[in-house]
Amino acid sequence: QVQVVESGGGLVQPGGSLNLSCAASGFTFNAYFIRWYRQAPGKEREKVATISSSGIVMDYGASMKDRFTISKDNAKDSYYLQMNSQKPDDTALYLCNLYAPFVCHDYWGQGTQVTVSG
């Protein structure tokens, strides 16, 4: 059973930083993509960034690249979203998605809440 687990969310003051983590397990396919999304109350789900399982950064959502960085730690087989210079508009539930193209299936985590307030 594929499991996707996010962590690292919390309360941060405007201008602060957070580093979210995503760990995926329970699968055998070698090639996949990890995508971070966010969803704020009353707004549509928004893609933040995409990275391949080989660690290649694929893309960022509009206006995300200047403050957000997606990465992979090969030693830990984990993925991260570093968020800097945070703004109140960044407040959202951040979700990690594993997309496996060979089985055409998405796997979602439960999300980790980020609140920017101060």
C-alpha atoms as a PDB file:
ATOM      1  CA  GLN A   1       0.000   0.000   0.000  1.00  0.00           C
ATOM      2  CA  VAL A   2       1.454   3.315  -1.079  1.00  0.00           C
ATOM      3  CA  GLN A   3       1.759   5.863   1.683  1.00  0.00           C
ATOM      4  CA  VAL A   4       2.626   9.522   1.300  1.00  0.00           C
ATOM      5  CA  VAL A   5       3.335  11.453   4.488  1.00  0.00           C
ATOM      6  CA  GLU A   6       3.997  15.160   4.848  1.00  0.00           C
ATOM      7  CA  SER A   7       5.496  16.913   7.834  1.00  0.00           C
ATOM      8  CA  GLY A   8       7.036  20.195   8.838  1.00  0.00           C
ATOM      9  CA  GLY A   9       4.083  22.554   8.757  1.00  0.00           C
ATOM     10  CA  GLY A  10       3.239  24.987  11.502  1.00  0.00           C
ATOM     11  CA  LEU A  11       2.845  28.605  12.428  1.00  0.00           C
ATOM     12  CA  VAL A  12       5.414  31.026  11.056  1.00  0.00           C
ATOM     13  CA  GLN A  13       5.657  34.804  11.121  1.00  0.00           C
ATOM     14  CA  PRO A  14       5.657  36.806   7.893  1.00  0.00           C
ATOM     15  CA  GLY A  15       9.147  36.815   6.446  1.00  0.00           C
ATOM     16  CA  GLY A  16       9.997  33.521   8.114  1.00  0.00           C
ATOM     17  CA  SER A  17      10.877  30.135   6.646  1.00  0.00           C
ATOM     18  CA  LEU A  18       9.628  26.579   6.829  1.00  0.00           C
ATOM     19  CA  ASN A  19      10.931  23.353   5.355  1.00  0.00           C
ATOM     20  CA  LEU A  20       8.268  20.772   4.549  1.00  0.00           C
ATOM     21  CA  SER A  21       9.098  17.092   4.125  1.00  0.00           C
ATOM     22  CA  CYS A  22       7.445  14.366   2.100  1.00  0.00           C
ATOM     23  CA  ALA A  23       8.177  10.663   2.453  1.00  0.00           C
ATOM     24  CA  ALA A  24       6.646   7.989   0.238  1.00  0.00           C
ATOM     25  CA  SER A  25       6.716   4.231   0.742  1.00  0.00           C
ATOM     26  CA  GLY A  26       5.013   0.964  -0.146  1.00  0.00           C
ATOM     27  CA  PHE A  27       5.617   0.965  -3.892  1.00  0.00           C
ATOM     28  CA  THR A  28       7.904  -0.793  -6.344  1.00  0.00           C
ATOM     29  CA  PHE A  29       7.939   1.468  -9.391  1.00  0.00           C
ATOM     30  CA  ASN A  30      11.213   3.288  -9.942  1.00  0.00           C
ATOM     31  CA  ALA A  31      10.140   6.350 -11.866  1.00  0.00           C
ATOM     32  CA  TYR A  32       7.627   8.821 -10.513  1.00  0.00           C
ATOM     33  CA  PHE A  33       7.107  12.475  -9.770  1.00  0.00           C
ATOM     34  CA  ILE A  34       6.616  14.239  -6.481  1.00  0.00           C
ATOM     35  CA  ARG A  35       4.465  17.330  -6.611  1.00  0.00           C
ATOM     36  CA  TRP A  36       3.645  19.801  -3.882  1.00  0.00           C
ATOM     37  CA  TYR A  37       0.247  21.434  -3.981  1.00  0.00           C
ATOM     38  CA  ARG A  38      -1.436  23.837  -1.636  1.00  0.00           C
ATOM     39  CA  GLN A  39      -5.042  24.578  -0.910  1.00  0.00           C
ATOM     40  CA  ALA A  40      -6.277  27.584   0.982  1.00  0.00           C
ATOM     41  CA  PRO A  41      -9.844  27.852   2.276  1.00  0.00           C
ATOM     42  CA  GLY A  42     -12.201  28.936  -0.453  1.00  0.00           C
ATOM     43  CA  LYS A  43      -9.532  28.695  -3.159  1.00  0.00           C
ATOM     44  CA  GLU A  44      -8.662  26.131  -5.809  1.00  0.00           C
ATOM     45  CA  ARG A  45      -5.853  23.692  -5.286  1.00  0.00           C
ATOM     46  CA  GLU A  46      -2.649  25.223  -6.604  1.00  0.00           C
ATOM     47  CA  LYS A  47       0.482  23.445  -7.785  1.00  0.00           C
ATOM     48  CA  VAL A  48       3.633  24.607  -6.042  1.00  0.00           C
ATOM     49  CA  ALA A  49       6.438  22.539  -7.579  1.00  0.00           C
ATOM     50  CA  THR A  50       7.369  19.216  -9.210  1.00  0.00           C
ATOM     51  CA  ILE A  51      10.480  17.063  -8.943  1.00  0.00           C
ATOM     52  CA  SER A  52      11.269  13.711 -10.514  1.00  0.00           C
ATOM     53  CA  SER A  53      12.273  10.628  -8.557  1.00  0.00           C
ATOM     54  CA  SER A  54      15.789  11.123  -9.939  1.00  0.00           C
ATOM     55  CA  GLY A  55      15.926  14.556  -8.338  1.00  0.00           C
ATOM     56  CA  ILE A  56      15.388  16.720 -11.389  1.00  0.00           C
ATOM     57  CA  VAL A  57      13.313  19.812 -10.708  1.00  0.00           C
ATOM     58  CA  MET A  58      10.573  19.886 -13.307  1.00  0.00           C
ATOM     59  CA  ASP A  59       8.639  23.065 -12.687  1.00  0.00           C
ATOM     60  CA  TYR A  60       7.260  25.579 -10.228  1.00  0.00           C
ATOM     61  CA  GLY A  61       3.849  27.123 -10.028  1.00  0.00           C
ATOM     62  CA  ALA A  62       3.407  30.708 -11.094  1.00  0.00           C
ATOM     63  CA  SER A  63       5.330  33.093  -8.817  1.00  0.00           C
ATOM     64  CA  MET A  64       6.623  30.210  -6.646  1.00  0.00           C
ATOM     65  CA  LYS A  65      10.168  29.921  -7.915  1.00  0.00           C
ATOM     66  CA  ASP A  66      11.482  33.069  -6.286  1.00  0.00           C
ATOM     67  CA  ARG A  67      10.715  31.947  -2.730  1.00  0.00           C
ATOM     68  CA  PHE A  68      10.180  28.164  -2.839  1.00  0.00           C
ATOM     69  CA  THR A  69      12.696  25.406  -3.527  1.00  0.00           C
ATOM     70  CA  ILE A  70      11.856  21.763  -4.084  1.00  0.00           C
ATOM     71  CA  SER A  71      14.568  19.180  -3.540  1.00  0.00           C
ATOM     72  CA  LYS A  72      15.356  15.554  -2.850  1.00  0.00           C
ATOM     73  CA  ASP A  73      17.664  13.995  -0.286  1.00  0.00           C
ATOM     74  CA  ASN A  74      18.870  10.800  -1.958  1.00  0.00           C
ATOM     75  CA  ALA A  75      20.330   9.410   1.232  1.00  0.00           C
ATOM     76  CA  LYS A  76      17.001   9.665   3.018  1.00  0.00           C
ATOM     77  CA  ASP A  77      14.865   9.138  -0.085  1.00  0.00           C
ATOM     78  CA  SER A  78      12.788  12.103   1.030  1.00  0.00           C
ATOM     79  CA  TYR A  79      11.573  15.238  -0.652  1.00  0.00           C
ATOM     80  CA  TYR A  80      11.463  18.762   0.665  1.00  0.00           C
ATOM     81  CA  LEU A  81       9.867  22.114   0.036  1.00  0.00           C
ATOM     82  CA  GLN A  82      11.865  25.012   1.425  1.00  0.00           C
ATOM     83  CA  MET A  83       9.716  28.097   1.769  1.00  0.00           C
ATOM     84  CA  ASN A  84      11.336  31.464   2.454  1.00  0.00           C
ATOM     85  CA  SER A  85      10.103  35.023   2.941  1.00  0.00           C
ATOM     86  CA  GLN A  86       6.700  33.714   3.757  1.00  0.00           C
ATOM     87  CA  LYS A  87       3.581  35.807   3.346  1.00  0.00           C
ATOM     88  CA  PRO A  88       0.106  35.509   4.844  1.00  0.00           C
ATOM     89  CA  ASP A  89      -1.118  34.416   1.391  1.00  0.00           C
ATOM     90  CA  ASP A  90       1.025  31.300   1.765  1.00  0.00           C
ATOM     91  CA  THR A  91      -1.334  30.081   4.470  1.00  0.00           C
ATOM     92  CA  ALA A  92      -2.756  26.789   3.212  1.00  0.00           C
ATOM     93  CA  LEU A  93      -2.831  23.045   3.574  1.00  0.00           C
ATOM     94  CA  TYR A  94       0.252  21.789   1.743  1.00  0.00           C
ATOM     95  CA  LEU A  95      -0.191  18.421   0.094  1.00  0.00           C
ATOM     96  CA  CYS A  96       2.388  16.042  -1.308  1.00  0.00           C
ATOM     97  CA  ASN A  97       1.402  14.054  -4.375  1.00  0.00           C
ATOM     98  CA  LEU A  98       3.162  11.076  -5.913  1.00  0.00           C
ATOM     99  CA  TYR A  99       2.333  10.593  -9.566  1.00  0.00           C
ATOM    100  CA  ALA A 100       3.319   7.294 -11.132  1.00  0.00           C
ATOM    101  CA  PRO A 101       3.075   7.633 -14.923  1.00  0.00           C
ATOM    102  CA  PHE A 102       3.436   3.927 -15.661  1.00  0.00           C
ATOM    103  CA  VAL A 103       0.336   3.106 -13.659  1.00  0.00           C
ATOM    104  CA  CYS A 104      -1.339   6.460 -14.313  1.00  0.00           C
ATOM    105  CA  HIS A 105      -2.171   6.919 -10.684  1.00  0.00           C
ATOM    106  CA  ASP A 106      -1.928   9.653  -8.104  1.00  0.00           C
ATOM    107  CA  TYR A 107      -1.252   9.069  -4.441  1.00  0.00           C
ATOM    108  CA  TRP A 108      -1.916  11.821  -1.921  1.00  0.00           C
ATOM    109  CA  GLY A 109      -0.827  12.526   1.594  1.00  0.00           C
ATOM    110  CA  GLN A 110      -3.082  14.027   4.245  1.00  0.00           C
ATOM    111  CA  GLY A 111      -1.330  17.367   4.070  1.00  0.00           C
ATOM    112  CA  THR A 112       0.459  19.587   6.531  1.00  0.00           C
ATOM    113  CA  GLN A 113      -0.968  22.947   7.576  1.00  0.00           C
ATOM    114  CA  VAL A 114       1.085  26.097   7.129  1.00  0.00           C
ATOM    115  CA  THR A 115      -0.132  29.276   8.757  1.00  0.00           C
ATOM    116  CA  VAL A 116       1.672  32.556   8.195  1.00  0.00           C
ATOM    117  CA  SER A 117       0.600  35.080  10.767  1.00  0.00           C
ATOM    118  CA  GLY A 118       2.167  37.439  13.180  1.00  0.00           C
END
